[in-house]
Amino acid sequence: MKNGKVLITAGSALVFGLLVFVGFQWWAPSLSAENLTKEEVYQTAKDKYPGTIIKTTKSEGEEYQIEMQLETGVYLIRMDAKSGEVRSIKKETIVHTAEETTEKTPQKQLTQYEIKARISSQGDLEQIDFVQEEDNSYYKAVVNKNNEKITLILDPHTGAVIDSTMVADSIITENEAIAIAEKHVKGTADDTEFYQPSDQTSYYLVEVELEDDRDAVVQVDGYTKEVKTITWEDDEDNDDDDSE
């Protein structure tokens, strides 16, 4: 009798143990599946479908939706977030935004030769350099137009002028203009004025008094230092007398 009870007890223990083992085997994979990381899902997708992952999102239903570029097109893969099993795969017709397209296909940079052609109307090119900064790049060119030097900042992709600045330090000083005028007509400067007309190069008008009491107005180019014209005040007076 006692042996029968022992056998029953042992059998019950064995059945209980089997139930626990089977339950653990069923529950353990599910538990480990909950620990899948996004990187593990990425790797699972790549192992199954060699290609490039474009975008991955996770839905509320414990499902990953992976947009993937394969040889035959772009596919949407639905993957179980717990087990990593593929639920479905479907070819997509996807139109990416202009911003995404720009990021994936960088705009071609123009060469210095192409930049030169685009700014030929701006003046005679004296210098051009490509400038690369930490988060910006551009072409910097110096052109000469009507004896005025102008610095241009240009978009490296389109050649558009971003900024235009006159090179002011190329203009001679008033004292330099006076010295040129005095030396040219051999006299002493009495008055000086500076002009910046829109249709021609900047210049100085220097009024110079000579030893014989004549006065001359000397026009000096503000960039080339060239004496452009000399006007004698006596000549103007004579013209007035003749007209009377």
Protein backbone atom coordinates (compact mmCIF):
# COMPACT_ATOMS: atom_id res chain seq x y z
CA MET A 1 0.00 0.00 0.00
CA LYS A 2 2.75 2.31 0.88
CA ASN A 3 4.54 1.43 -2.35
CA GLY A 4 1.45 2.46 -4.29
CA LYS A 5 1.33 5.85 -2.64
CA VAL A 6 5.01 6.37 -3.34
CA LEU A 7 4.47 5.54 -7.00
CA ILE A 8 1.52 7.95 -7.26
CA THR A 9 3.52 10.75 -5.58
CA ALA A 10 6.50 10.17 -7.86
CA GLY A 11 4.28 10.13 -10.93
CA SER A 12 2.61 13.39 -9.93
CA ALA A 13 5.95 15.02 -9.38
CA LEU A 14 7.13 13.84 -12.78
CA VAL A 15 4.03 15.20 -14.56
CA PHE A 16 4.35 18.54 -12.75
CA GLY A 17 8.00 18.75 -13.71
CA LEU A 18 7.18 18.09 -17.35
CA LEU A 19 4.52 20.80 -17.34
CA VAL A 20 6.95 23.31 -15.83
CA PHE A 21 9.63 22.41 -18.40
CA VAL A 22 7.26 22.68 -21.35
CA GLY A 23 5.86 25.96 -20.07
CA PHE A 24 9.33 27.42 -19.63
CA GLN A 25 10.34 26.33 -23.13
CA TRP A 26 7.29 28.14 -24.51
CA TRP A 27 7.70 31.24 -22.34
CA ALA A 28 11.49 31.70 -22.51
CA PRO A 29 11.73 32.57 -26.25
CA SER A 30 8.90 35.06 -25.90
CA LEU A 31 10.67 36.67 -22.95
CA SER A 32 13.97 36.92 -24.82
CA ALA A 33 12.20 38.26 -27.92
CA GLU A 34 10.98 41.26 -25.97
CA ASN A 35 14.62 42.27 -25.55
CA LEU A 36 15.32 42.65 -29.29
CA THR A 37 17.00 45.98 -29.93
CA LYS A 38 16.61 48.14 -33.00
CA GLU A 39 20.12 47.13 -34.07
CA GLU A 40 19.15 43.43 -33.85
CA VAL A 41 16.12 44.07 -36.02
CA TYR A 42 18.36 45.89 -38.53
CA GLN A 43 20.74 42.94 -38.64
CA THR A 44 17.89 40.43 -39.02
CA ALA A 45 16.50 42.38 -41.98
CA LYS A 46 19.92 42.61 -43.65
CA ASP A 47 20.57 38.90 -43.13
CA LYS A 48 17.29 38.02 -44.82
CA TYR A 49 17.31 40.67 -47.55
CA PRO A 50 20.71 42.11 -48.66
CA GLY A 51 20.11 45.75 -49.34
CA THR A 52 20.09 49.24 -47.83
CA ILE A 53 17.74 50.23 -45.02
CA ILE A 54 16.15 53.61 -45.79
CA LYS A 55 13.88 54.07 -42.76
CA THR A 56 12.61 52.08 -39.78
CA THR A 57 9.56 52.81 -37.60
CA LYS A 58 7.97 50.90 -34.74
CA SER A 59 4.17 50.70 -34.46
CA GLU A 60 2.08 50.34 -31.32
CA GLY A 61 1.32 46.72 -32.24
CA GLU A 62 4.87 45.58 -31.45
CA GLU A 63 5.80 45.61 -35.09
CA TYR A 64 8.69 47.13 -36.99
CA GLN A 65 8.08 48.58 -40.44
CA ILE A 66 11.31 48.67 -42.41
CA GLU A 67 11.65 50.54 -45.70
CA MET A 68 14.46 48.85 -47.60
CA GLN A 69 16.13 49.37 -50.97
CA LEU A 70 16.75 46.06 -52.75
CA GLU A 71 18.04 45.39 -56.26
CA THR A 72 14.51 45.23 -57.69
CA GLY A 73 13.11 48.28 -55.92
CA VAL A 74 12.01 49.62 -52.54
CA TYR A 75 10.14 47.23 -50.24
CA LEU A 76 8.19 47.64 -47.00
CA ILE A 77 8.98 44.83 -44.57
CA ARG A 78 6.71 44.22 -41.56
CA MET A 79 8.64 42.43 -38.81
CA ASP A 80 7.53 41.14 -35.41
CA ALA A 81 9.26 43.24 -32.76
CA LYS A 82 9.37 40.31 -30.29
CA SER A 83 10.46 37.36 -32.42
CA GLY A 84 12.02 39.10 -35.42
CA GLU A 85 9.85 37.06 -37.77
CA VAL A 86 8.85 38.68 -41.07
CA ARG A 87 5.09 39.12 -41.22
CA SER A 88 4.95 40.47 -44.76
CA ILE A 89 7.05 42.09 -47.48
CA LYS A 90 5.59 44.36 -50.15
CA LYS A 91 7.11 46.36 -52.98
CA GLU A 92 6.45 50.06 -52.57
CA THR A 93 6.15 52.99 -54.98
CA ILE A 94 7.78 55.72 -52.92
CA VAL A 95 8.30 59.34 -53.94
CA HIS A 96 10.85 61.00 -51.72
CA THR A 97 10.70 64.70 -50.92
CA ALA A 98 13.03 67.19 -52.58
CA GLU A 99 14.95 67.57 -49.32
CA GLU A 100 15.60 63.82 -49.08
CA THR A 101 16.67 63.68 -52.73
CA THR A 102 19.08 66.57 -52.20
CA GLU A 103 20.66 64.87 -49.21
CA LYS A 104 21.21 61.61 -51.08
CA THR A 105 22.43 63.27 -54.32
CA PRO A 106 24.71 66.22 -53.47
CA GLN A 107 24.52 69.12 -55.91
CA LYS A 108 27.46 69.24 -58.32
CA GLN A 109 30.06 71.92 -57.59
CA LEU A 110 31.03 74.22 -60.47
CA THR A 111 34.65 74.40 -61.58
CA GLN A 112 36.67 77.64 -61.58
CA TYR A 113 36.41 77.69 -65.39
CA GLU A 114 32.60 77.52 -65.18
CA ILE A 115 32.56 80.28 -62.53
CA LYS A 116 34.76 82.48 -64.75
CA ALA A 117 32.28 82.10 -67.61
CA ARG A 118 29.36 83.11 -65.38
CA ILE A 119 31.01 86.32 -64.10
CA SER A 120 32.59 87.47 -67.37
CA SER A 121 30.12 90.36 -67.54
CA GLN A 122 31.10 91.55 -64.05
CA GLY A 123 34.52 92.79 -65.19
CA ASP A 124 38.05 91.56 -65.86
CA LEU A 125 38.88 88.70 -63.52
CA GLU A 126 42.03 89.27 -61.46
CA GLN A 127 41.80 86.47 -58.89
CA ILE A 128 39.54 83.56 -57.94
CA ASP A 129 39.72 81.17 -54.98
CA PHE A 130 37.58 78.38 -53.55
CA VAL A 131 36.95 78.85 -49.82
CA GLN A 132 35.90 75.89 -47.64
CA GLU A 133 34.72 76.73 -44.14
CA GLU A 134 33.41 74.39 -41.42
CA ASP A 135 29.77 74.50 -42.55
CA ASN A 136 29.93 76.62 -45.70
CA SER A 137 31.80 76.87 -49.00
CA TYR A 138 31.95 79.52 -51.74
CA TYR A 139 34.05 81.03 -54.51
CA LYS A 140 35.73 84.39 -53.87
CA ALA A 141 36.64 86.40 -56.97
CA VAL A 142 38.16 89.84 -57.53
CA VAL A 143 37.23 91.64 -60.75
CA ASN A 144 38.27 95.00 -62.18
CA LYS A 145 35.58 97.13 -63.81
CA ASN A 146 36.17 100.75 -64.85
CA ASN A 147 39.40 100.69 -62.81
CA GLU A 148 37.48 99.68 -59.70
CA LYS A 149 38.22 96.42 -57.94
CA ILE A 150 35.18 94.47 -56.72
CA THR A 151 35.14 91.36 -54.53
CA LEU A 152 32.41 88.83 -55.43
CA ILE A 153 31.19 85.99 -53.21
CA LEU A 154 29.65 83.27 -55.39
CA ASP A 155 27.52 80.18 -54.79
CA PRO A 156 29.76 77.18 -55.69
CA HIS A 157 26.82 75.22 -57.16
CA THR A 158 24.91 77.84 -59.16
CA GLY A 159 27.46 80.62 -59.67
CA ALA A 160 24.98 83.19 -58.28
CA VAL A 161 26.51 86.32 -56.73
CA ILE A 162 25.85 86.16 -52.98
CA ASP A 163 27.69 89.38 -52.10
CA SER A 164 29.49 92.16 -53.95
CA THR A 165 31.90 94.59 -52.25
CA MET A 166 34.13 97.30 -53.65
CA VAL A 167 37.76 96.89 -52.62
CA ALA A 168 38.01 100.24 -50.87
CA ASP A 169 41.65 99.91 -49.84
CA SER A 170 42.72 100.21 -53.51
CA ILE A 171 41.63 103.87 -53.59
CA ILE A 172 44.55 106.24 -53.07
CA THR A 173 44.47 108.69 -50.18
CA GLU A 174 43.81 112.42 -50.49
CA ASN A 175 47.46 113.19 -49.64
CA GLU A 176 48.63 110.89 -52.45
CA ALA A 177 46.33 112.66 -54.92
CA ILE A 178 47.62 116.08 -53.78
CA ALA A 179 51.25 114.99 -54.20
CA ILE A 180 50.54 113.72 -57.72
CA ALA A 181 48.75 116.93 -58.74
CA GLU A 182 51.43 119.24 -57.27
CA LYS A 183 54.21 117.34 -59.01
CA HIS A 184 52.38 117.28 -62.33
CA VAL A 185 51.77 121.04 -62.63
CA LYS A 186 54.53 122.20 -60.25
CA GLY A 187 52.45 124.15 -57.76
CA THR A 188 50.84 124.09 -54.31
CA ALA A 189 47.47 122.45 -53.63
CA ASP A 190 44.80 124.80 -52.36
CA ASP A 191 41.66 122.61 -52.23
CA THR A 192 40.70 118.94 -52.86
CA GLU A 193 37.42 117.12 -53.48
CA PHE A 194 36.69 113.41 -53.95
CA TYR A 195 34.01 112.09 -56.36
CA GLN A 196 32.46 108.63 -56.76
CA PRO A 197 30.21 108.77 -59.85
CA SER A 198 28.18 105.67 -60.73
CA ASP A 199 29.20 105.61 -64.39
CA GLN A 200 32.98 105.90 -64.05
CA THR A 201 35.91 105.33 -61.72
CA SER A 202 36.33 107.40 -58.57
CA TYR A 203 38.63 110.42 -58.78
CA TYR A 204 40.04 113.47 -56.97
CA LEU A 205 39.83 117.09 -58.17
CA VAL A 206 42.84 118.98 -56.79
CA GLU A 207 42.99 122.76 -57.15
CA VAL A 208 46.65 123.78 -57.47
CA GLU A 209 48.05 127.35 -57.35
CA LEU A 210 51.16 128.05 -59.42
CA GLU A 211 53.92 130.63 -58.78
CA ASP A 212 52.68 132.81 -61.65
CA ASP A 213 49.32 133.11 -59.87
CA ARG A 214 47.57 130.78 -62.25
CA ASP A 215 45.24 128.09 -60.87
CA ALA A 216 44.78 124.59 -62.25
CA VAL A 217 42.25 121.92 -61.39
CA VAL A 218 43.87 118.48 -61.73
CA GLN A 219 41.74 115.32 -62.01
CA VAL A 220 43.56 112.30 -60.49
CA ASP A 221 42.21 108.75 -60.93
CA GLY A 222 41.48 107.26 -57.50
CA TYR A 223 42.86 103.82 -58.45
CA THR A 224 45.45 104.18 -61.20
CA LYS A 225 46.90 107.52 -59.90
CA GLU A 226 46.74 108.75 -63.48
CA VAL A 227 46.19 112.45 -64.21
CA LYS A 228 43.06 112.38 -66.34
CA THR A 229 42.52 116.10 -67.11
CA ILE A 230 43.91 119.56 -66.27
CA THR A 231 41.65 122.59 -66.34
CA TRP A 232 43.26 126.06 -66.20
CA GLU A 233 41.11 128.73 -64.60
CA ASP A 234 42.73 131.41 -66.81
CA ASP A 235 41.42 129.51 -69.84
CA GLU A 236 37.90 129.63 -68.41
CA ASP A 237 38.23 133.38 -67.76
CA ASN A 238 39.43 133.96 -71.33
CA ASP A 239 36.47 132.02 -72.68
CA ASP A 240 34.16 134.25 -70.63
CA ASP A 241 35.87 137.41 -71.97
CA ASP A 242 35.53 136.22 -75.55
CA SER A 243 31.85 135.56 -75.11
CA GLU A 244 31.27 139.18 -74.01
